[in-house]
């Protein structure tokens, strides 16, 4: 039976959304003190979490951010399309365990459960019940094969996917690869896939996940538009920024793995080779949203309906329709195809999304498209991609990222989490861990460090847990969806 549509955003809730987006941390009007306890580089989820933890311990911190906003890859735009548009992370995974859902942001933020099921489009129609069961069976076998292989060796996921998936193979490879981690299965580690915590349940924030994160940053002092040029630990710890030099007892670096691998921050002395190698092997996948305004619900879908295509090649996408009851529809492109498409610019991305929808719902859909917007995270100078995904043989690099360097530099972020990589919740938890490690080093915390994460038992992943009589399949987005 069709789900009851969520109530559309009212003028009051939209104003709350705008207010939530406008929520800003305390932007420092004067330069921070030259000497402090901890410098935190990057005001995304990990940096915000670390700053909150350091502040709660009564220690001095400086939080610097290269861009002009907080949130990093989790940011909401409430102006361009007239409704809240999460340009990055949107899915809030495992709400019962997610550290973000345990915090209470200010009023005006509403979180609600994501609908439990999804649809597959086969040409101009939806898959029938028997076809969904066939797909589910094939997806379960593919997932089980990857998990089984991970117990023996860390090899490419594609290498162990069964060869007899038939005409469902394209859809399965898209959902487990580009949609699940931003990379093709040939570029993705079986061990990283297997160790990922379950993401079968999720919630959405009506005002935008980025608005929720910005609300949690309220009260923090942040130096925006302050890129870090270098970090020197040869004598004392100094951090050179575009606005001057800072000194501290420790630094927590939360920028993306691609930024470090690209040498955007210089380290003196150079990072150990094993650390440099770890960043390179935890490179970011490609995942972007093409946001379309479709007034009047011409697709006939419910709020937050998730639709996949029974694809025959890599030129495919996923659709999240009527986001939070608004006319906003997200066509998500990812993996190598998404990367190539993004490189051709926003116009090419919007054109693909329109053509793709027309192929599934009819050419008249093009006429219904109003305003549009596309993200291009690979071209974002402060990120250079979406979320980390370990290449084959590199899952253990996440553990290396958690090790301090020269007893002065700690790294944090979604890539520094062995089971919640690719999620805002994982980034937040990583930031808290790094902050607590620094506080222990300073003698502020006396409690022992927590034990390393235990590897979860391999389970079949699912996009959403379906009610009885419905199928559940796929892997929810890691960063743009990311939550992907």
Protein backbone atom coordinates (compact mmCIF):
# COMPACT_ATOMS: atom_id res chain seq x y z
CA UNK A 1 0.00 0.00 0.00
CA UNK A 2 1.27 3.52 -0.68
CA UNK A 3 2.76 5.31 2.24
CA UNK A 4 1.08 8.35 3.63
CA UNK A 5 2.93 11.38 2.32
CA UNK A 6 4.76 13.50 4.85
CA UNK A 7 3.31 16.91 5.52
CA UNK A 8 4.75 19.56 3.27
CA UNK A 9 6.93 22.26 4.74
CA UNK A 10 4.83 25.18 5.91
CA UNK A 11 5.88 28.81 5.92
CA UNK A 12 6.64 28.48 9.63
CA UNK A 13 8.83 25.41 9.21
CA UNK A 14 10.59 26.99 6.24
CA UNK A 15 11.36 30.07 8.29
CA UNK A 16 12.74 27.73 10.95
CA UNK A 17 14.86 26.11 8.27
CA UNK A 18 16.21 29.46 7.16
CA UNK A 19 16.93 30.40 10.75
CA UNK A 20 18.68 27.11 11.36
CA UNK A 21 20.81 27.58 8.27
CA UNK A 22 21.61 31.11 9.34
CA UNK A 23 22.76 29.80 12.72
CA UNK A 24 26.43 30.56 12.90
CA UNK A 25 29.10 29.89 15.46
CA UNK A 26 30.75 32.88 17.06
CA UNK A 27 32.96 34.16 14.27
CA UNK A 28 36.10 35.60 15.77
CA UNK A 29 36.24 39.34 15.15
CA UNK A 30 39.86 39.54 16.18
CA UNK A 31 42.75 37.18 15.51
CA UNK A 32 43.01 34.25 17.95
CA UNK A 33 45.78 34.23 20.53
CA UNK A 34 49.14 33.23 19.08
CA UNK A 35 49.54 30.49 21.70
CA UNK A 36 46.80 28.07 22.69
CA UNK A 37 46.35 24.50 23.86
CA UNK A 38 44.89 22.90 20.72
CA UNK A 39 44.55 24.01 17.12
CA UNK A 40 41.79 22.27 15.18
CA UNK A 41 42.04 22.37 11.40
CA UNK A 42 38.69 22.09 9.63
CA UNK A 43 35.21 22.98 10.92
CA UNK A 44 33.31 20.00 9.57
CA UNK A 45 31.65 17.44 11.83
CA UNK A 46 34.95 16.13 13.22
CA UNK A 47 36.31 19.62 13.88
CA UNK A 48 33.11 20.79 15.54
CA UNK A 49 33.01 17.69 17.75
CA UNK A 50 36.66 18.11 18.71
CA UNK A 51 36.21 21.80 19.54
CA UNK A 52 33.17 21.09 21.70
CA UNK A 53 35.10 18.42 23.63
CA UNK A 54 38.17 20.60 24.15
CA UNK A 55 36.01 23.52 25.25
CA UNK A 56 34.07 21.31 27.67
CA UNK A 57 37.38 20.34 29.29
CA UNK A 58 38.16 24.01 29.88
CA UNK A 59 41.11 24.13 27.50
CA UNK A 60 41.90 26.83 24.95
CA UNK A 61 41.38 25.99 21.31
CA UNK A 62 41.53 27.66 17.91
CA UNK A 63 39.21 26.25 15.23
CA UNK A 64 40.26 27.32 11.73
CA UNK A 65 38.31 26.64 8.54
CA UNK A 66 39.52 27.21 4.98
CA UNK A 67 36.06 27.82 3.50
CA UNK A 68 33.51 30.50 4.36
CA UNK A 69 31.17 28.20 6.30
CA UNK A 70 31.08 25.52 8.97
CA UNK A 71 29.94 21.98 8.22
CA UNK A 72 32.47 20.86 5.62
CA UNK A 73 30.77 18.26 3.44
CA UNK A 74 27.56 18.62 5.44
CA UNK A 75 26.00 21.95 4.50
CA UNK A 76 22.43 23.06 3.78
CA UNK A 77 21.51 25.70 1.20
CA UNK A 78 18.05 27.09 2.01
CA UNK A 79 18.08 29.95 -0.51
CA UNK A 80 18.96 28.77 -4.03
CA UNK A 81 15.96 26.47 -4.55
CA UNK A 82 13.62 28.04 -2.01
CA UNK A 83 13.68 24.96 0.23
CA UNK A 84 16.42 23.31 2.33
CA UNK A 85 18.88 21.54 0.01
CA UNK A 86 21.61 19.39 1.58
CA UNK A 87 24.50 19.88 -0.79
CA UNK A 88 26.44 17.10 0.88
CA UNK A 89 25.42 14.59 3.55
CA UNK A 90 21.67 14.05 3.90
CA UNK A 91 21.12 10.64 5.52
CA UNK A 92 21.44 10.35 9.30
CA UNK A 93 22.29 6.67 9.76
CA UNK A 94 21.65 4.33 12.69
CA UNK A 95 19.73 6.97 14.69
CA UNK A 96 19.64 4.78 17.81
CA UNK A 97 23.46 4.78 17.92
CA UNK A 98 24.41 7.94 16.05
CA UNK A 99 26.13 10.41 18.41
CA UNK A 100 24.50 13.35 16.63
CA UNK A 101 20.97 12.19 17.42
CA UNK A 102 21.83 12.04 21.11
CA UNK A 103 22.58 15.76 21.16
CA UNK A 104 19.90 18.40 21.42
CA UNK A 105 20.30 21.23 18.93
CA UNK A 106 18.39 24.44 19.38
CA UNK A 107 14.68 24.69 18.65
CA UNK A 108 13.47 24.67 15.07
CA UNK A 109 15.24 21.43 14.11
CA UNK A 110 13.00 18.44 13.33
CA UNK A 111 14.30 14.93 12.67
CA UNK A 112 11.97 12.22 11.36
CA UNK A 113 12.34 8.58 10.20
CA UNK A 114 13.25 7.86 6.60
CA UNK A 115 10.58 5.78 4.82
CA UNK A 116 11.37 2.06 5.02
CA UNK A 117 11.31 0.91 1.39
CA UNK A 118 12.23 1.86 -2.15
CA UNK A 119 11.30 1.23 -5.77
CA UNK A 120 13.03 -0.02 -8.90
CA UNK A 121 12.13 1.38 -12.28
CA UNK A 122 12.33 -0.96 -15.27
CA UNK A 123 11.96 1.23 -18.31
CA UNK A 124 8.65 3.09 -17.97
CA UNK A 125 7.24 0.88 -15.20
CA UNK A 126 8.05 -0.21 -11.66
CA UNK A 127 9.38 -3.67 -10.90
CA UNK A 128 6.74 -6.20 -9.95
CA UNK A 129 6.87 -8.14 -6.70
CA UNK A 130 8.46 -11.19 -8.30
CA UNK A 131 11.10 -9.06 -9.98
CA UNK A 132 11.93 -7.38 -6.69
CA UNK A 133 12.36 -10.79 -5.09
CA UNK A 134 14.72 -11.80 -7.90
CA UNK A 135 16.73 -8.66 -7.38
CA UNK A 136 16.82 -9.11 -3.61
CA UNK A 137 18.07 -12.65 -3.99
CA UNK A 138 20.83 -11.54 -6.35
CA UNK A 139 21.82 -8.66 -4.06
CA UNK A 140 21.97 -10.94 -1.01
CA UNK A 141 24.22 -13.37 -2.86
CA UNK A 142 26.53 -10.56 -4.01
CA UNK A 143 26.78 -9.10 -0.51
CA UNK A 144 27.37 -12.50 1.06
CA UNK A 145 30.10 -13.27 -1.46
CA UNK A 146 31.91 -10.02 -0.59
CA UNK A 147 31.63 -10.63 3.15
CA UNK A 148 32.85 -14.23 2.78
CA UNK A 149 35.83 -13.13 0.69
CA UNK A 150 36.79 -10.49 3.27
CA UNK A 151 37.41 -13.25 5.83
CA UNK A 152 40.22 -14.58 3.64
CA UNK A 153 41.81 -11.60 1.89
CA UNK A 154 41.25 -7.93 1.16
CA UNK A 155 40.62 -8.03 -2.59
CA UNK A 156 38.51 -5.95 -5.02
CA UNK A 157 34.79 -6.44 -4.42
CA UNK A 158 34.17 -6.91 -8.13
CA UNK A 159 36.52 -9.89 -8.16
CA UNK A 160 34.22 -11.94 -5.92
CA UNK A 161 30.76 -10.84 -7.07
CA UNK A 162 28.96 -13.89 -8.53
CA UNK A 163 29.03 -14.16 -12.31
CA UNK A 164 25.43 -15.38 -12.61
CA UNK A 165 23.55 -12.26 -11.53
CA UNK A 166 22.08 -11.93 -15.01
CA UNK A 167 20.47 -8.68 -16.06
CA UNK A 168 20.39 -7.45 -12.45
CA UNK A 169 24.17 -7.15 -12.31
CA UNK A 170 24.29 -3.53 -13.45
CA UNK A 171 21.84 -2.34 -10.80
CA UNK A 172 23.57 -4.34 -8.06
CA UNK A 173 27.02 -3.06 -8.97
CA UNK A 174 25.74 0.53 -8.97
CA UNK A 175 24.02 0.21 -5.60
CA UNK A 176 26.91 -1.54 -3.83
CA UNK A 177 29.62 0.49 -5.56
CA UNK A 178 29.01 4.07 -6.77
CA UNK A 179 25.85 4.59 -4.72
CA UNK A 180 27.26 2.85 -1.66
CA UNK A 181 30.79 4.27 -1.57
CA UNK A 182 31.36 6.55 -4.57
CA UNK A 183 33.61 4.04 -6.36
CA UNK A 184 33.19 1.08 -8.70
CA UNK A 185 33.45 -2.32 -7.03
CA UNK A 186 36.78 -2.87 -8.80
CA UNK A 187 38.21 0.02 -6.74
CA UNK A 188 36.66 -0.98 -3.42
CA UNK A 189 38.08 -3.16 -0.64
CA UNK A 190 36.10 -6.23 0.43
CA UNK A 191 37.31 -5.70 4.00
CA UNK A 192 36.15 -2.08 4.07
CA UNK A 193 32.76 -3.20 2.73
CA UNK A 194 32.52 -5.99 5.31
CA UNK A 195 33.56 -3.89 8.30
CA UNK A 196 31.08 -1.10 7.63
CA UNK A 197 28.46 -0.85 10.36
CA UNK A 198 24.87 -1.53 9.35
CA UNK A 199 23.11 1.40 7.72
CA UNK A 200 19.67 -0.11 7.33
CA UNK A 201 17.86 2.57 9.33
CA UNK A 202 18.07 6.30 8.90
CA UNK A 203 16.40 9.60 9.65
CA UNK A 204 16.20 12.91 7.81
CA UNK A 205 16.31 16.47 9.13
CA UNK A 206 13.47 18.55 7.71
CA UNK A 207 15.57 21.73 7.93
CA UNK A 208 18.60 19.97 6.44
CA UNK A 209 21.39 17.89 7.96
CA UNK A 210 23.76 20.81 7.44
CA UNK A 211 21.41 23.05 9.43
CA UNK A 212 21.43 20.54 12.29
CA UNK A 213 25.24 20.42 12.27
CA UNK A 214 25.48 24.23 12.15
CA UNK A 215 23.19 24.41 15.17
CA UNK A 216 25.55 22.10 17.06
CA UNK A 217 28.41 24.49 16.25
CA UNK A 218 26.68 27.43 17.91
CA UNK A 219 28.80 29.01 20.59
CA UNK A 220 32.11 27.86 19.12
CA UNK A 221 34.65 30.42 17.98
CA UNK A 222 35.68 29.75 14.40
CA UNK A 223 38.15 31.49 12.12
CA UNK A 224 36.55 31.15 8.66
CA UNK A 225 38.35 31.67 5.33
CA UNK A 226 41.58 30.69 7.06
CA UNK A 227 43.31 27.91 5.12
CA UNK A 228 46.27 26.24 6.79
CA UNK A 229 49.47 26.29 4.78
CA UNK A 230 51.86 24.29 6.94
CA UNK A 231 52.31 22.48 10.24
CA UNK A 232 55.79 22.40 11.80
CA UNK A 233 56.67 20.20 14.78
CA UNK A 234 60.47 20.37 14.57
CA UNK A 235 60.91 22.55 17.66
CA UNK A 236 57.60 23.77 18.93
CA UNK A 237 54.28 23.18 17.22
CA UNK A 238 53.48 26.00 14.82
CA UNK A 239 50.66 26.23 12.30
CA UNK A 240 50.99 28.70 9.45
CA UNK A 241 47.67 30.00 8.15
CA UNK A 242 46.70 32.55 5.52
CA UNK A 243 46.10 34.98 8.39
CA UNK A 244 49.18 34.38 10.50
CA UNK A 245 51.07 31.86 12.60
CA UNK A 246 49.62 29.99 15.58
CA UNK A 247 51.39 27.92 18.24
CA UNK A 248 49.90 25.21 20.41
CA UNK A 249 50.61 22.04 22.34
CA UNK A 250 48.72 19.84 19.86
CA UNK A 251 46.89 20.02 16.54
CA UNK A 252 43.91 17.99 15.32
CA UNK A 253 43.68 17.88 11.52
CA UNK A 254 40.24 17.02 10.16
CA UNK A 255 40.56 17.86 6.47
CA UNK A 256 39.77 15.24 3.80
CA UNK A 257 42.24 12.54 2.80
CA UNK A 258 42.43 13.99 -0.71
CA UNK A 259 43.54 17.37 0.65
CA UNK A 260 46.40 15.74 2.56
CA UNK A 261 47.35 13.45 -0.33
CA UNK A 262 47.42 16.44 -2.69
CA UNK A 263 49.95 18.20 -0.46
CA UNK A 264 47.69 21.18 0.27
CA UNK A 265 49.17 21.28 3.79
CA UNK A 266 52.94 21.02 4.17
CA UNK A 267 54.30 19.11 7.16
CA UNK A 268 57.75 19.65 8.67
CA UNK A 269 59.19 17.15 9.12
CA UNK A 270 57.34 15.26 6.41
CA UNK A 271 54.74 12.76 7.51
CA UNK A 272 56.00 9.17 7.79
CA UNK A 273 55.64 7.24 4.55
CA UNK A 274 53.07 4.87 6.06
CA UNK A 275 50.84 7.84 6.87
CA UNK A 276 51.19 9.40 3.43
CA UNK A 277 50.41 6.02 1.89
CA UNK A 278 47.34 5.66 4.11
CA UNK A 279 45.84 8.95 2.93
CA UNK A 280 46.38 8.01 -0.69
CA UNK A 281 44.80 4.59 -0.25
CA UNK A 282 41.76 6.09 1.48
CA UNK A 283 41.01 8.41 -1.42
CA UNK A 284 37.58 9.99 -1.76
CA UNK A 285 34.96 8.57 -4.08
CA UNK A 286 32.79 10.72 -6.32
CA UNK A 287 29.19 11.46 -5.30
CA UNK A 288 27.06 14.43 -6.35
CA UNK A 289 23.48 15.63 -6.19
CA UNK A 290 21.65 17.10 -9.16
CA UNK A 291 18.80 19.00 -7.49
CA UNK A 292 15.68 19.62 -9.58
CA UNK A 293 12.54 21.54 -8.70
CA UNK A 294 9.50 19.52 -9.81
CA UNK A 295 6.41 21.44 -8.73
CA UNK A 296 3.12 19.54 -8.60
CA UNK A 297 4.72 16.10 -8.14
CA UNK A 298 4.71 15.11 -11.84
CA UNK A 299 6.45 11.81 -10.96
CA UNK A 300 3.57 10.78 -8.69
CA UNK A 301 5.89 9.78 -5.87
CA UNK A 302 5.59 10.06 -2.09
CA UNK A 303 7.79 12.19 0.12
CA UNK A 304 11.36 10.88 0.30
CA UNK A 305 10.68 8.05 -2.15
CA UNK A 306 13.93 6.37 -3.19
CA UNK A 307 14.01 5.04 -6.77
CA UNK A 308 16.66 3.03 -8.60
CA UNK A 309 16.87 1.95 -12.21
CA UNK A 310 17.37 -1.57 -13.55
CA UNK A 311 20.39 -0.32 -15.44
CA UNK A 312 22.34 -2.01 -18.18
CA UNK A 313 25.44 0.16 -17.94
CA UNK A 314 27.16 2.68 -15.67
CA UNK A 315 25.18 5.68 -16.97
CA UNK A 316 22.64 5.49 -14.21
CA UNK A 317 21.62 7.32 -11.04
CA UNK A 318 19.37 7.19 -7.97
CA UNK A 319 16.37 9.40 -7.31
CA UNK A 320 15.28 10.78 -3.94
CA UNK A 321 11.94 12.42 -4.66
CA UNK A 322 9.96 15.16 -2.93
CA UNK A 323 12.58 15.67 -0.21
CA UNK A 324 10.86 16.31 3.13
CA UNK A 325 7.57 16.92 1.33
CA UNK A 326 8.93 19.69 -0.92
CA UNK A 327 9.21 19.86 -4.75
CA UNK A 328 12.94 19.17 -4.41
CA UNK A 329 14.10 15.99 -6.16
CA UNK A 330 17.68 14.75 -6.03
CA UNK A 331 19.19 12.77 -8.89
CA UNK A 332 22.41 11.33 -7.46
CA UNK A 333 25.32 10.45 -9.73
CA UNK A 334 28.42 8.71 -8.46
CA UNK A 335 31.50 6.64 -9.17
CA UNK A 336 33.63 7.02 -12.30
CA UNK A 337 30.62 7.94 -14.44
CA UNK A 338 29.58 10.62 -11.95
CA UNK A 339 33.16 11.91 -11.79
CA UNK A 340 33.37 12.23 -15.59
CA UNK A 341 29.95 13.87 -15.75
CA UNK A 342 30.87 16.37 -13.02
CA UNK A 343 34.04 17.27 -14.90
CA UNK A 344 31.88 18.46 -17.81
CA UNK A 345 30.18 21.05 -15.59
CA UNK A 346 26.85 21.75 -13.98
CA UNK A 347 24.92 22.19 -17.24
CA UNK A 348 25.92 18.72 -18.41
CA UNK A 349 24.88 17.25 -15.06
CA UNK A 350 21.45 18.87 -15.16
CA UNK A 351 20.99 17.77 -18.77
CA UNK A 352 21.82 14.16 -17.87
CA UNK A 353 19.39 14.22 -14.93
CA UNK A 354 16.60 15.53 -17.16
CA UNK A 355 17.31 12.96 -19.88
CA UNK A 356 17.53 10.14 -17.33
CA UNK A 357 14.18 11.03 -15.77
CA UNK A 358 12.63 11.37 -19.22
CA UNK A 359 13.78 7.87 -20.05
CA UNK A 360 12.04 6.52 -16.95
CA UNK A 361 8.92 8.70 -16.77
CA UNK A 362 8.43 10.22 -20.22
CA UNK A 363 9.72 13.23 -22.14
CA UNK A 364 7.06 15.54 -20.69
CA UNK A 365 8.96 15.46 -17.37
CA UNK A 366 11.53 17.84 -18.85
CA UNK A 367 8.90 20.54 -19.14
CA UNK A 368 8.10 20.24 -15.43
CA UNK A 369 11.64 21.01 -14.28
CA UNK A 370 11.96 24.43 -12.67
CA UNK A 371 15.05 25.63 -10.87
CA UNK A 372 18.10 23.36 -10.74
CA UNK A 373 21.45 23.10 -9.02
CA UNK A 374 24.26 20.53 -9.07
CA UNK A 375 27.08 19.89 -6.63
CA UNK A 376 30.60 19.22 -7.86
CA UNK A 377 32.51 17.99 -4.83
CA UNK A 378 35.49 16.77 -6.83
CA UNK A 379 36.12 20.37 -7.91
CA UNK A 380 35.64 21.79 -4.41
CA UNK A 381 39.03 23.26 -3.51
CA UNK A 382 38.61 22.51 0.19
CA UNK A 383 37.48 18.88 -0.18
CA UNK A 384 38.39 17.38 -3.59
CA UNK A 385 35.77 14.63 -3.37
CA UNK A 386 32.91 13.07 -1.44
CA UNK A 387 33.76 10.39 1.14
CA UNK A 388 36.63 7.95 1.68
CA UNK A 389 36.53 4.37 0.43
CA UNK A 390 39.52 2.09 0.90
CA UNK A 391 41.08 0.60 -2.20
CA UNK A 392 41.67 -3.18 -2.14
CA UNK A 393 44.21 -4.08 0.50
CA UNK A 394 43.99 -0.75 2.28
CA UNK A 395 41.30 -1.06 4.95
CA UNK A 396 43.89 -1.13 7.71
CA UNK A 397 44.94 2.37 6.63
CA UNK A 398 42.05 3.68 8.70
CA UNK A 399 43.79 2.45 11.84
CA UNK A 400 46.99 4.19 10.76
CA UNK A 401 45.07 7.47 10.45
CA UNK A 402 44.15 7.25 14.12
CA UNK A 403 47.79 7.16 15.27
CA UNK A 404 49.35 10.43 16.46
CA UNK A 405 52.36 11.76 14.56
CA UNK A 406 55.34 13.12 16.49
CA UNK A 407 53.17 13.06 19.60
CA UNK A 408 51.71 16.37 18.42
CA UNK A 409 49.48 15.78 15.38
CA UNK A 410 46.23 13.86 15.47
CA UNK A 411 44.01 13.18 12.46
CA UNK A 412 40.24 12.86 12.55
CA UNK A 413 37.30 12.70 10.16
CA UNK A 414 35.06 10.12 8.54
CA UNK A 415 38.10 8.38 7.03
CA UNK A 416 39.51 7.79 10.53
CA UNK A 417 36.66 5.51 11.55
CA UNK A 418 36.83 1.80 10.81
CA UNK A 419 33.10 1.08 10.78
CA UNK A 420 31.32 4.42 10.30
CA UNK A 421 33.53 5.73 7.51
CA UNK A 422 31.67 7.84 4.98
CA UNK A 423 29.20 9.18 7.54
CA UNK A 424 28.81 12.39 9.50
CA UNK A 425 28.28 10.32 12.64
CA UNK A 426 31.61 8.60 12.06
CA UNK A 427 33.35 11.93 11.55
CA UNK A 428 31.81 13.31 14.74
CA UNK A 429 32.87 10.29 16.80
CA UNK A 430 36.36 10.45 15.32
CA UNK A 431 36.67 14.11 16.29
CA UNK A 432 35.64 13.37 19.86
CA UNK A 433 38.14 10.51 20.07
CA UNK A 434 40.99 12.67 18.80
CA UNK A 435 40.12 15.42 21.28
CA UNK A 436 40.07 12.97 24.16
CA UNK A 437 43.42 11.52 23.08
CA UNK A 438 44.89 15.02 23.12
CA UNK A 439 43.38 15.70 26.56
CA UNK A 440 44.93 12.46 27.87
CA UNK A 441 48.29 13.50 26.44
CA UNK A 442 47.96 16.78 28.35
CA UNK A 443 47.01 14.97 31.53
CA UNK A 444 43.54 16.49 31.62
CA UNK A 445 41.80 13.11 31.23
CA UNK A 446 42.90 10.26 33.47
CA UNK A 447 40.68 7.57 32.00
CA UNK A 448 42.38 5.00 29.75
CA UNK A 449 41.92 5.19 26.00
CA UNK A 450 38.96 3.15 24.70
CA UNK A 451 39.64 -0.16 23.03
CA UNK A 452 39.84 -0.29 19.26
CA UNK A 453 36.62 -0.75 17.35
CA UNK A 454 35.44 -4.31 17.14
CA UNK A 455 34.78 -5.57 13.65
CA UNK A 456 31.04 -6.03 13.15
CA UNK A 457 29.78 -9.40 12.12
CA UNK A 458 29.20 -9.47 8.35
CA UNK A 459 25.57 -8.80 7.57
CA UNK A 460 23.57 -8.21 4.47
CA UNK A 461 23.42 -4.48 3.95
CA UNK A 462 20.16 -2.79 3.10
CA UNK A 463 19.06 0.62 2.02
CA UNK A 464 16.05 0.58 4.28
CA UNK A 465 14.42 -2.05 6.40
CA UNK A 466 11.25 -2.99 4.58
CA UNK A 467 7.99 -3.89 6.30
CA UNK A 468 6.65 -7.39 5.92
CA UNK A 469 5.78 -8.15 2.34
CA UNK A 470 8.23 -5.63 0.88
CA UNK A 471 11.82 -6.01 -0.23
CA UNK A 472 14.80 -4.12 1.13
CA UNK A 473 18.08 -3.87 -0.71
CA UNK A 474 21.07 -1.75 -1.57
CA UNK A 475 23.36 0.35 0.58
CA UNK A 476 22.41 3.83 1.56
CA UNK A 477 24.64 6.64 0.35
CA UNK A 478 27.69 7.27 2.40
CA UNK A 479 28.32 10.98 2.37
CA UNK A 480 25.99 12.87 0.17
CA UNK A 481 23.56 10.60 1.07
CA UNK A 482 27.11 10.43 2.21
CA UNK A 483 23.77 10.36 5.60
CA UNK A 484 27.25 9.74 2.18
